Full PDB file with SEQRES, HELIX, SHEET, SSBOND, CRYST1, ORIGX, SCALE, CONECT and MASTER records, all heavy atoms in Angstrom:
SEQRES   1 A   44  GLY LEU LEU GLN VAL ALA VAL THR ILE LEU VAL ALA THR          
SEQRES   2 A   44  LEU ALA THR ILE GLY LEU SER ALA ALA LEU PRO GLU MET          
SEQRES   3 A   44  LEU GLY MET SER TRP GLN ALA ALA LEU ALA LEU SER CYS          
SEQRES   4 A   44  ALA LEU ALA MET SER                                          
HELIX    1 AA1 LEU A    2  ALA A   22  1                                  21    
HELIX    2 AA2 TRP A   31  LEU A   41  1                                  11    
CRYST1    1.000    1.000    1.000  90.00  90.00  90.00 P 1           1          
ORIGX1      1.000000  0.000000  0.000000        0.00000                         
ORIGX2      0.000000  1.000000  0.000000        0.00000                         
ORIGX3      0.000000  0.000000  1.000000        0.00000                         
SCALE1      1.000000  0.000000  0.000000        0.00000                         
SCALE2      0.000000  1.000000  0.000000        0.00000                         
SCALE3      0.000000  0.000000  1.000000        0.00000                         
ATOM      1  N   GLY A   1      38.121 -22.665 119.632  1.00  0.00           N  
ATOM      2  CA  GLY A   1      37.593 -22.480 118.277  1.00  0.00           C  
ATOM      3  C   GLY A   1      37.962 -23.624 117.349  1.00  0.00           C  
ATOM      4  O   GLY A   1      37.113 -24.175 116.640  1.00  0.00           O  
ATOM      5  N   LEU A   2      39.245 -23.996 117.349  1.00  0.00           N  
ATOM      6  CA  LEU A   2      39.720 -25.090 116.502  1.00  0.00           C  
ATOM      7  C   LEU A   2      39.033 -26.407 116.865  1.00  0.00           C  
ATOM      8  O   LEU A   2      38.563 -27.149 115.995  1.00  0.00           O  
ATOM      9  CB  LEU A   2      41.237 -25.221 116.640  1.00  0.00           C  
ATOM     10  CG  LEU A   2      41.899 -26.417 115.956  1.00  0.00           C  
ATOM     11  CD1 LEU A   2      41.659 -26.380 114.455  1.00  0.00           C  
ATOM     12  CD2 LEU A   2      43.392 -26.453 116.251  1.00  0.00           C  
ATOM     13  N   LEU A   3      38.957 -26.682 118.166  1.00  0.00           N  
ATOM     14  CA  LEU A   3      38.321 -27.928 118.606  1.00  0.00           C  
ATOM     15  C   LEU A   3      36.837 -27.950 118.244  1.00  0.00           C  
ATOM     16  O   LEU A   3      36.313 -28.975 117.808  1.00  0.00           O  
ATOM     17  CB  LEU A   3      38.494 -28.098 120.118  1.00  0.00           C  
ATOM     18  CG  LEU A   3      39.866 -28.591 120.599  1.00  0.00           C  
ATOM     19  CD1 LEU A   3      39.936 -28.562 122.108  1.00  0.00           C  
ATOM     20  CD2 LEU A   3      40.141 -30.002 120.080  1.00  0.00           C  
ATOM     21  N   GLN A   4      36.161 -26.827 118.428  1.00  0.00           N  
ATOM     22  CA  GLN A   4      34.717 -26.780 118.125  1.00  0.00           C  
ATOM     23  C   GLN A   4      34.447 -27.103 116.664  1.00  0.00           C  
ATOM     24  O   GLN A   4      33.590 -27.933 116.337  1.00  0.00           O  
ATOM     25  CB  GLN A   4      34.153 -25.393 118.476  1.00  0.00           C  
ATOM     26  CG  GLN A   4      32.655 -25.268 118.285  1.00  0.00           C  
ATOM     27  CD  GLN A   4      32.246 -24.782 116.895  1.00  0.00           C  
ATOM     28  OE1 GLN A   4      32.958 -23.994 116.284  1.00  0.00           O  
ATOM     29  NE2 GLN A   4      31.111 -25.255 116.403  1.00  0.00           N  
ATOM     30  N   VAL A   5      35.167 -26.452 115.754  1.00  0.00           N  
ATOM     31  CA  VAL A   5      34.942 -26.675 114.321  1.00  0.00           C  
ATOM     32  C   VAL A   5      35.345 -28.102 113.931  1.00  0.00           C  
ATOM     33  O   VAL A   5      34.576 -28.819 113.264  1.00  0.00           O  
ATOM     34  CB  VAL A   5      35.725 -25.637 113.487  1.00  0.00           C  
ATOM     35  CG1 VAL A   5      35.658 -25.984 112.000  1.00  0.00           C  
ATOM     36  CG2 VAL A   5      35.161 -24.239 113.714  1.00  0.00           C  
ATOM     37  N   ALA A   6      36.514 -28.534 114.356  1.00  0.00           N  
ATOM     38  CA  ALA A   6      37.023 -29.864 113.964  1.00  0.00           C  
ATOM     39  C   ALA A   6      36.149 -30.989 114.510  1.00  0.00           C  
ATOM     40  O   ALA A   6      35.757 -31.909 113.773  1.00  0.00           O  
ATOM     41  CB  ALA A   6      38.464 -30.030 114.435  1.00  0.00           C  
ATOM     42  N   VAL A   7      35.829 -30.931 115.793  1.00  0.00           N  
ATOM     43  CA  VAL A   7      35.041 -32.008 116.408  1.00  0.00           C  
ATOM     44  C   VAL A   7      33.613 -32.007 115.883  1.00  0.00           C  
ATOM     45  O   VAL A   7      33.028 -33.070 115.644  1.00  0.00           O  
ATOM     46  CB  VAL A   7      35.070 -31.885 117.953  1.00  0.00           C  
ATOM     47  CG1 VAL A   7      34.174 -32.947 118.589  1.00  0.00           C  
ATOM     48  CG2 VAL A   7      36.492 -32.021 118.473  1.00  0.00           C  
ATOM     49  N   THR A   8      33.034 -30.824 115.679  1.00  0.00           N  
ATOM     50  CA  THR A   8      31.674 -30.748 115.123  1.00  0.00           C  
ATOM     51  C   THR A   8      31.618 -31.408 113.753  1.00  0.00           C  
ATOM     52  O   THR A   8      30.719 -32.223 113.474  1.00  0.00           O  
ATOM     53  CB  THR A   8      31.202 -29.281 115.014  1.00  0.00           C  
ATOM     54  OG1 THR A   8      31.215 -28.689 116.303  1.00  0.00           O  
ATOM     55  CG2 THR A   8      29.782 -29.197 114.450  1.00  0.00           C  
ATOM     56  N   ILE A   9      32.567 -31.051 112.884  1.00  0.00           N  
ATOM     57  CA  ILE A   9      32.588 -31.623 111.534  1.00  0.00           C  
ATOM     58  C   ILE A   9      32.795 -33.134 111.589  1.00  0.00           C  
ATOM     59  O   ILE A   9      32.091 -33.898 110.903  1.00  0.00           O  
ATOM     60  CB  ILE A   9      33.685 -30.938 110.683  1.00  0.00           C  
ATOM     61  CG1 ILE A   9      33.303 -29.474 110.413  1.00  0.00           C  
ATOM     62  CG2 ILE A   9      33.887 -31.679 109.365  1.00  0.00           C  
ATOM     63  CD1 ILE A   9      34.372 -28.677 109.692  1.00  0.00           C  
ATOM     64  N   LEU A  10      33.732 -33.581 112.418  1.00  0.00           N  
ATOM     65  CA  LEU A  10      34.042 -35.017 112.504  1.00  0.00           C  
ATOM     66  C   LEU A  10      32.849 -35.818 113.025  1.00  0.00           C  
ATOM     67  O   LEU A  10      32.412 -36.790 112.393  1.00  0.00           O  
ATOM     68  CB  LEU A  10      35.260 -35.225 113.409  1.00  0.00           C  
ATOM     69  CG  LEU A  10      35.675 -36.682 113.656  1.00  0.00           C  
ATOM     70  CD1 LEU A  10      36.113 -37.335 112.352  1.00  0.00           C  
ATOM     71  CD2 LEU A  10      36.785 -36.757 114.696  1.00  0.00           C  
ATOM     72  N   VAL A  11      32.307 -35.419 114.173  1.00  0.00           N  
ATOM     73  CA  VAL A  11      31.198 -36.163 114.788  1.00  0.00           C  
ATOM     74  C   VAL A  11      29.951 -36.108 113.913  1.00  0.00           C  
ATOM     75  O   VAL A  11      29.282 -37.135 113.697  1.00  0.00           O  
ATOM     76  CB  VAL A  11      30.905 -35.617 116.202  1.00  0.00           C  
ATOM     77  CG1 VAL A  11      29.664 -36.286 116.787  1.00  0.00           C  
ATOM     78  CG2 VAL A  11      32.102 -35.832 117.115  1.00  0.00           C  
ATOM     79  N   ALA A  12      29.634 -34.913 113.396  1.00  0.00           N  
ATOM     80  CA  ALA A  12      28.428 -34.774 112.580  1.00  0.00           C  
ATOM     81  C   ALA A  12      28.546 -35.582 111.285  1.00  0.00           C  
ATOM     82  O   ALA A  12      27.561 -36.184 110.831  1.00  0.00           O  
ATOM     83  CB  ALA A  12      28.179 -33.303 112.262  1.00  0.00           C  
ATOM     84  N   THR A  13      29.733 -35.612 110.690  1.00  0.00           N  
ATOM     85  CA  THR A  13      29.925 -36.390 109.454  1.00  0.00           C  
ATOM     86  C   THR A  13      29.734 -37.884 109.715  1.00  0.00           C  
ATOM     87  O   THR A  13      29.006 -38.572 108.977  1.00  0.00           O  
ATOM     88  CB  THR A  13      31.333 -36.138 108.874  1.00  0.00           C  
ATOM     89  OG1 THR A  13      31.492 -34.747 108.608  1.00  0.00           O  
ATOM     90  CG2 THR A  13      31.533 -36.904 107.579  1.00  0.00           C  
ATOM     91  N   LEU A  14      30.372 -38.387 110.767  1.00  0.00           N  
ATOM     92  CA  LEU A  14      30.247 -39.811 111.097  1.00  0.00           C  
ATOM     93  C   LEU A  14      28.802 -40.174 111.447  1.00  0.00           C  
ATOM     94  O   LEU A  14      28.292 -41.225 111.022  1.00  0.00           O  
ATOM     95  CB  LEU A  14      31.175 -40.158 112.264  1.00  0.00           C  
ATOM     96  CG  LEU A  14      32.686 -40.065 111.971  1.00  0.00           C  
ATOM     97  CD1 LEU A  14      33.489 -40.299 113.240  1.00  0.00           C  
ATOM     98  CD2 LEU A  14      33.084 -41.058 110.888  1.00  0.00           C  
ATOM     99  N   ALA A  15      28.136 -39.299 112.202  1.00  0.00           N  
ATOM    100  CA  ALA A  15      26.741 -39.567 112.587  1.00  0.00           C  
ATOM    101  C   ALA A  15      25.833 -39.574 111.362  1.00  0.00           C  
ATOM    102  O   ALA A  15      24.942 -40.429 111.233  1.00  0.00           O  
ATOM    103  CB  ALA A  15      26.270 -38.523 113.593  1.00  0.00           C  
ATOM    104  N   THR A  16      26.046 -38.624 110.457  1.00  0.00           N  
ATOM    105  CA  THR A  16      25.211 -38.542 109.249  1.00  0.00           C  
ATOM    106  C   THR A  16      25.426 -39.752 108.355  1.00  0.00           C  
ATOM    107  O   THR A  16      24.466 -40.299 107.786  1.00  0.00           O  
ATOM    108  CB  THR A  16      25.517 -37.240 108.474  1.00  0.00           C  
ATOM    109  OG1 THR A  16      25.400 -36.133 109.355  1.00  0.00           O  
ATOM    110  CG2 THR A  16      24.547 -37.056 107.323  1.00  0.00           C  
ATOM    111  N   ILE A  17      26.692 -40.174 108.204  1.00  0.00           N  
ATOM    112  CA  ILE A  17      26.977 -41.368 107.392  1.00  0.00           C  
ATOM    113  C   ILE A  17      26.295 -42.591 108.002  1.00  0.00           C  
ATOM    114  O   ILE A  17      25.692 -43.418 107.294  1.00  0.00           O  
ATOM    115  CB  ILE A  17      28.507 -41.587 107.277  1.00  0.00           C  
ATOM    116  CG1 ILE A  17      29.143 -40.473 106.441  1.00  0.00           C  
ATOM    117  CG2 ILE A  17      28.811 -42.942 106.653  1.00  0.00           C  
ATOM    118  CD1 ILE A  17      30.659 -40.478 106.460  1.00  0.00           C  
ATOM    119  N   GLY A  18      26.364 -42.706 109.332  1.00  0.00           N  
ATOM    120  CA  GLY A  18      25.721 -43.829 110.018  1.00  0.00           C  
ATOM    121  C   GLY A  18      24.210 -43.818 109.841  1.00  0.00           C  
ATOM    122  O   GLY A  18      23.602 -44.861 109.564  1.00  0.00           O  
ATOM    123  N   LEU A  19      23.592 -42.655 109.970  1.00  0.00           N  
ATOM    124  CA  LEU A  19      22.140 -42.541 109.796  1.00  0.00           C  
ATOM    125  C   LEU A  19      21.737 -42.813 108.348  1.00  0.00           C  
ATOM    126  O   LEU A  19      20.685 -43.402 108.088  1.00  0.00           O  
ATOM    127  CB  LEU A  19      21.670 -41.145 110.214  1.00  0.00           C  
ATOM    128  CG  LEU A  19      21.622 -40.877 111.728  1.00  0.00           C  
ATOM    129  CD1 LEU A  19      21.351 -39.405 112.001  1.00  0.00           C  
ATOM    130  CD2 LEU A  19      20.532 -41.733 112.379  1.00  0.00           C  
ATOM    131  N   SER A  20      22.571 -42.351 107.410  1.00  0.00           N  
ATOM    132  CA  SER A  20      22.275 -42.598 105.991  1.00  0.00           C  
ATOM    133  C   SER A  20      22.287 -44.088 105.681  1.00  0.00           C  
ATOM    134  O   SER A  20      21.470 -44.586 104.896  1.00  0.00           O  
ATOM    135  CB  SER A  20      23.287 -41.872 105.102  1.00  0.00           C  
ATOM    136  OG  SER A  20      23.162 -40.485 105.240  1.00  0.00           O  
ATOM    137  N   ALA A  21      23.222 -44.797 106.310  1.00  0.00           N  
ATOM    138  CA  ALA A  21      23.282 -46.245 106.096  1.00  0.00           C  
ATOM    139  C   ALA A  21      22.088 -46.947 106.737  1.00  0.00           C  
ATOM    140  O   ALA A  21      21.552 -47.917 106.193  1.00  0.00           O  
ATOM    141  CB  ALA A  21      24.583 -46.794 106.683  1.00  0.00           C  
ATOM    142  N   ALA A  22      21.645 -46.426 107.905  1.00  0.00           N  
ATOM    143  CA  ALA A  22      20.518 -47.046 108.610  1.00  0.00           C  
ATOM    144  C   ALA A  22      19.180 -46.679 107.990  1.00  0.00           C  
ATOM    145  O   ALA A  22      18.238 -47.477 107.994  1.00  0.00           O  
ATOM    146  CB  ALA A  22      20.538 -46.636 110.081  1.00  0.00           C  
ATOM    147  N   LEU A  23      19.080 -45.424 107.466  1.00  0.00           N  
ATOM    148  CA  LEU A  23      17.812 -44.946 106.883  1.00  0.00           C  
ATOM    149  C   LEU A  23      18.055 -44.438 105.463  1.00  0.00           C  
ATOM    150  O   LEU A  23      17.943 -43.235 105.187  1.00  0.00           O  
ATOM    151  CB  LEU A  23      17.235 -43.809 107.747  1.00  0.00           C  
ATOM    152  CG  LEU A  23      16.962 -44.142 109.226  1.00  0.00           C  
ATOM    153  CD1 LEU A  23      16.682 -42.867 110.000  1.00  0.00           C  
ATOM    154  CD2 LEU A  23      15.773 -45.096 109.324  1.00  0.00           C  
ATOM    155  N   PRO A  24      18.362 -45.325 104.539  1.00  0.00           N  
ATOM    156  CA  PRO A  24      18.703 -44.881 103.176  1.00  0.00           C  
ATOM    157  C   PRO A  24      17.529 -44.213 102.457  1.00  0.00           C  
ATOM    158  O   PRO A  24      17.730 -43.339 101.619  1.00  0.00           O  
ATOM    159  CB  PRO A  24      19.125 -46.178 102.474  1.00  0.00           C  
ATOM    160  CG  PRO A  24      18.505 -47.279 103.284  1.00  0.00           C  
ATOM    161  CD  PRO A  24      18.453 -46.792 104.687  1.00  0.00           C  
ATOM    162  N   GLU A  25      16.287 -44.629 102.765  1.00  0.00           N  
ATOM    163  CA  GLU A  25      15.127 -44.037 102.083  1.00  0.00           C  
ATOM    164  C   GLU A  25      14.917 -42.582 102.515  1.00  0.00           C  
ATOM    165  O   GLU A  25      14.522 -41.731 101.713  1.00  0.00           O  
ATOM    166  CB  GLU A  25      13.839 -44.828 102.386  1.00  0.00           C  
ATOM    167  CG  GLU A  25      13.881 -46.291 101.960  1.00  0.00           C  
ATOM    168  CD  GLU A  25      14.544 -47.176 103.014  1.00  0.00           C  
ATOM    169  OE1 GLU A  25      14.842 -46.661 104.127  1.00  0.00           O  
ATOM    170  OE2 GLU A  25      14.791 -48.355 102.724  1.00  0.00           O  
ATOM    171  N   MET A  26      15.177 -42.294 103.816  1.00  0.00           N  
ATOM    172  CA  MET A  26      14.918 -40.945 104.328  1.00  0.00           C  
ATOM    173  C   MET A  26      16.086 -40.000 104.061  1.00  0.00           C  
ATOM    174  O   MET A  26      15.892 -38.860 103.633  1.00  0.00           O  
ATOM    175  CB  MET A  26      14.641 -40.993 105.831  1.00  0.00           C  
ATOM    176  CG  MET A  26      14.288 -39.637 106.435  1.00  0.00           C  
ATOM    177  SD  MET A  26      13.952 -39.727 108.206  1.00  0.00           S  
ATOM    178  CE  MET A  26      12.440 -40.681 108.193  1.00  0.00           C  
ATOM    179  N   LEU A  27      17.313 -40.459 104.311  1.00  0.00           N  
ATOM    180  CA  LEU A  27      18.480 -39.590 104.158  1.00  0.00           C  
ATOM    181  C   LEU A  27      19.243 -39.923 102.887  1.00  0.00           C  
ATOM    182  O   LEU A  27      19.323 -39.121 101.969  1.00  0.00           O  
ATOM    183  CB  LEU A  27      19.382 -39.707 105.389  1.00  0.00           C  
ATOM    184  CG  LEU A  27      18.772 -39.234 106.710  1.00  0.00           C  
ATOM    185  CD1 LEU A  27      19.725 -39.492 107.865  1.00  0.00           C  
ATOM    186  CD2 LEU A  27      18.428 -37.761 106.645  1.00  0.00           C  
ATOM    187  N   GLY A  28      19.829 -41.091 102.843  1.00  0.00           N  
ATOM    188  CA  GLY A  28      20.508 -41.568 101.639  1.00  0.00           C  
ATOM    189  C   GLY A  28      21.448 -40.579 100.994  1.00  0.00           C  
ATOM    190  O   GLY A  28      21.190 -40.103  99.895  1.00  0.00           O  
ATOM    191  N   MET A  29      22.541 -40.223 101.662  1.00  0.00           N  
ATOM    192  CA  MET A  29      23.488 -39.279 101.071  1.00  0.00           C  
ATOM    193  C   MET A  29      24.907 -39.841 101.154  1.00  0.00           C  
ATOM    194  O   MET A  29      25.210 -40.684 102.004  1.00  0.00           O  
ATOM    195  CB  MET A  29      23.403 -37.917 101.765  1.00  0.00           C  
ATOM    196  CG  MET A  29      23.795 -37.907 103.231  1.00  0.00           C  
ATOM    197  SD  MET A  29      23.759 -36.240 103.937  1.00  0.00           S  
ATOM    198  CE  MET A  29      22.005 -35.991 104.109  1.00  0.00           C  
ATOM    199  N   SER A  30      25.757 -39.359 100.278  1.00  0.00           N  
ATOM    200  CA  SER A  30      27.145 -39.801 100.235  1.00  0.00           C  
ATOM    201  C   SER A  30      27.931 -39.172 101.385  1.00  0.00           C  
ATOM    202  O   SER A  30      27.465 -38.226 102.034  1.00  0.00           O  
ATOM    203  CB  SER A  30      27.775 -39.394  98.905  1.00  0.00           C  
ATOM    204  OG  SER A  30      27.796 -37.970  98.812  1.00  0.00           O  
ATOM    205  N   TRP A  31      29.153 -39.678 101.595  1.00  0.00           N  
ATOM    206  CA  TRP A  31      29.975 -39.097 102.654  1.00  0.00           C  
ATOM    207  C   TRP A  31      30.396 -37.669 102.305  1.00  0.00           C  
ATOM    208  O   TRP A  31      30.598 -36.828 103.198  1.00  0.00           O  
ATOM    209  CB  TRP A  31      31.194 -39.976 102.930  1.00  0.00           C  
ATOM    210  CG  TRP A  31      32.232 -40.006 101.827  1.00  0.00           C  
ATOM    211  CD1 TRP A  31      32.333 -40.903 100.820  1.00  0.00           C  
ATOM    212  CD2 TRP A  31      33.307 -39.078 101.650  1.00  0.00           C  
ATOM    213  NE1 TRP A  31      33.405 -40.604 100.009  1.00  0.00           N  
ATOM    214  CE2 TRP A  31      34.022 -39.493 100.510  1.00  0.00           C  
ATOM    215  CE3 TRP A  31      33.743 -37.949 102.341  1.00  0.00           C  
ATOM    216  CZ2 TRP A  31      35.142 -38.806 100.034  1.00  0.00           C  
ATOM    217  CZ3 TRP A  31      34.859 -37.265 101.882  1.00  0.00           C  
ATOM    218  CH2 TRP A  31      35.545 -37.692 100.740  1.00  0.00           C  
ATOM    219  N   GLN A  32      30.496 -37.379 100.986  1.00  0.00           N  
ATOM    220  CA  GLN A  32      30.828 -36.011 100.580  1.00  0.00           C  
ATOM    221  C   GLN A  32      29.725 -35.033 101.001  1.00  0.00           C  
ATOM    222  O   GLN A  32      29.991 -33.936 101.510  1.00  0.00           O  
ATOM    223  CB  GLN A  32      31.030 -35.926  99.061  1.00  0.00           C  
ATOM    224  CG  GLN A  32      32.248 -36.679  98.562  1.00  0.00           C  
ATOM    225  CD  GLN A  32      31.904 -38.064  98.059  1.00  0.00           C  
ATOM    226  OE1 GLN A  32      31.029 -38.725  98.630  1.00  0.00           O  
ATOM    227  NE2 GLN A  32      32.584 -38.515  97.009  1.00  0.00           N  
ATOM    228  N   ALA A  33      28.464 -35.461 100.799  1.00  0.00           N  
ATOM    229  CA  ALA A  33      27.333 -34.614 101.195  1.00  0.00           C  
ATOM    230  C   ALA A  33      27.293 -34.455 102.711  1.00  0.00           C  
ATOM    231  O   ALA A  33      27.032 -33.356 103.231  1.00  0.00           O  
ATOM    232  CB  ALA A  33      26.024 -35.226 100.690  1.00  0.00           C  
ATOM    233  N   ALA A  34      27.559 -35.553 103.430  1.00  0.00           N  
ATOM    234  CA  ALA A  34      27.567 -35.494 104.898  1.00  0.00           C  
ATOM    235  C   ALA A  34      28.634 -34.528 105.401  1.00  0.00           C  
ATOM    236  O   ALA A  34      28.402 -33.747 106.336  1.00  0.00           O  
ATOM    237  CB  ALA A  34      27.813 -36.892 105.462  1.00  0.00           C  
ATOM    238  N   LEU A  35      29.808 -34.563 104.754  1.00  0.00           N  
ATOM    239  CA  LEU A  35      30.896 -33.666 105.154  1.00  0.00           C  
ATOM    240  C   LEU A  35      30.535 -32.207 104.871  1.00  0.00           C  
ATOM    241  O   LEU A  35      30.775 -31.317 105.698  1.00  0.00           O  
ATOM    242  CB  LEU A  35      32.179 -34.050 104.413  1.00  0.00           C  
ATOM    243  CG  LEU A  35      33.421 -33.195 104.691  1.00  0.00           C  
ATOM    244  CD1 LEU A  35      33.741 -33.168 106.184  1.00  0.00           C  
ATOM    245  CD2 LEU A  35      34.626 -33.720 103.901  1.00  0.00           C  
ATOM    246  N   ALA A  36      29.931 -31.954 103.703  1.00  0.00           N  
ATOM    247  CA  ALA A  36      29.548 -30.586 103.335  1.00  0.00           C  
ATOM    248  C   ALA A  36      28.514 -30.027 104.322  1.00  0.00           C  
ATOM    249  O   ALA A  36      28.616 -28.873 104.766  1.00  0.00           O  
ATOM    250  CB  ALA A  36      28.993 -30.561 101.911  1.00  0.00           C  
ATOM    251  N   LEU A  37      27.507 -30.842 104.679  1.00  0.00           N  
ATOM    252  CA  LEU A  37      26.482 -30.392 105.624  1.00  0.00           C  
ATOM    253  C   LEU A  37      27.064 -30.197 107.020  1.00  0.00           C  
ATOM    254  O   LEU A  37      26.650 -29.288 107.753  1.00  0.00           O  
ATOM    255  CB  LEU A  37      25.325 -31.400 105.672  1.00  0.00           C  
ATOM    256  CG  LEU A  37      24.448 -31.468 104.421  1.00  0.00           C  
ATOM    257  CD1 LEU A  37      23.400 -32.558 104.562  1.00  0.00           C  
ATOM    258  CD2 LEU A  37      23.768 -30.119 104.172  1.00  0.00           C  
ATOM    259  N   SER A  38      28.020 -31.030 107.385  1.00  0.00           N  
ATOM    260  CA  SER A  38      28.666 -30.888 108.698  1.00  0.00           C  
ATOM    261  C   SER A  38      29.458 -29.584 108.782  1.00  0.00           C  
ATOM    262  O   SER A  38      29.521 -28.948 109.840  1.00  0.00           O  
ATOM    263  CB  SER A  38      29.593 -32.074 108.958  1.00  0.00           C  
ATOM    264  OG  SER A  38      28.867 -33.281 108.966  1.00  0.00           O  
ATOM    265  N   CYS A  39      30.068 -29.197 107.656  1.00  0.00           N  
ATOM    266  CA  CYS A  39      30.787 -27.914 107.623  1.00  0.00           C  
ATOM    267  C   CYS A  39      29.822 -26.752 107.871  1.00  0.00           C  
ATOM    268  O   CYS A  39      30.135 -25.816 108.613  1.00  0.00           O  
ATOM    269  CB  CYS A  39      31.477 -27.725 106.275  1.00  0.00           C  
ATOM    270  SG  CYS A  39      32.822 -28.893 105.972  1.00  0.00           S  
ATOM    271  N   ALA A  40      28.633 -26.813 107.251  1.00  0.00           N  
ATOM    272  CA  ALA A  40      27.621 -25.770 107.465  1.00  0.00           C  
ATOM    273  C   ALA A  40      27.137 -25.780 108.913  1.00  0.00           C  
ATOM    274  O   ALA A  40      26.905 -24.725 109.514  1.00  0.00           O  
ATOM    275  CB  ALA A  40      26.451 -25.978 106.505  1.00  0.00           C  
ATOM    276  N   LEU A  41      26.995 -26.981 109.495  1.00  0.00           N  
ATOM    277  CA  LEU A  41      26.532 -27.112 110.879  1.00  0.00           C  
ATOM    278  C   LEU A  41      27.514 -26.494 111.871  1.00  0.00           C  
ATOM    279  O   LEU A  41      27.118 -25.971 112.912  1.00  0.00           O  
ATOM    280  CB  LEU A  41      26.332 -28.599 111.217  1.00  0.00           C  
ATOM    281  CG  LEU A  41      25.983 -28.945 112.668  1.00  0.00           C  
ATOM    282  CD1 LEU A  41      24.611 -28.397 113.033  1.00  0.00           C  
ATOM    283  CD2 LEU A  41      26.038 -30.447 112.898  1.00  0.00           C  
ATOM    284  N   ALA A  42      28.801 -26.518 111.566  1.00  0.00           N  
ATOM    285  CA  ALA A  42      29.827 -26.029 112.500  1.00  0.00           C  
ATOM    286  C   ALA A  42      29.773 -24.522 112.701  1.00  0.00           C  
ATOM    287  O   ALA A  42      30.335 -24.000 113.668  1.00  0.00           O  
ATOM    288  CB  ALA A  42      31.213 -26.431 111.992  1.00  0.00           C  
ATOM    289  N   MET A  43      29.093 -23.789 111.810  1.00  0.00           N  
ATOM    290  CA  MET A  43      29.068 -22.334 111.874  1.00  0.00           C  
ATOM    291  C   MET A  43      28.005 -21.818 112.861  1.00  0.00           C  
ATOM    292  O   MET A  43      26.947 -22.418 113.019  1.00  0.00           O  
ATOM    293  CB  MET A  43      28.781 -21.741 110.492  1.00  0.00           C  
ATOM    294  CG  MET A  43      29.810 -22.108 109.425  1.00  0.00           C  
ATOM    295  SD  MET A  43      31.448 -21.438 109.787  1.00  0.00           S  
ATOM    296  CE  MET A  43      32.405 -22.940 109.953  1.00  0.00           C  
ATOM    297  N   SER A  44      28.311 -20.694 113.503  1.00  0.00           N  
ATOM    298  CA  SER A  44      27.352 -19.982 114.355  1.00  0.00           C  
ATOM    299  C   SER A  44      27.228 -18.555 113.834  1.00  0.00           C  
ATOM    300  O   SER A  44      28.039 -18.111 113.020  1.00  0.00           O  
ATOM    301  CB  SER A  44      27.819 -19.975 115.810  1.00  0.00           C  
ATOM    302  OG  SER A  44      27.986 -21.296 116.284  1.00  0.00           O  
TER     303      SER A  44                                                      
MASTER        0    0    0    2    0    0    0    6  302    1    0    4          
END                                                                             
């Protein structure tokens, strides 16, 4: 459980930040927004 939540948030946040930098017109979000969305993604 701990690994699933922690790794999901970490990987998803880094991936979202990377995509935002590569596609600023489509995504364009701050790291705070990426972290918040990653927290929502970790839930089942």
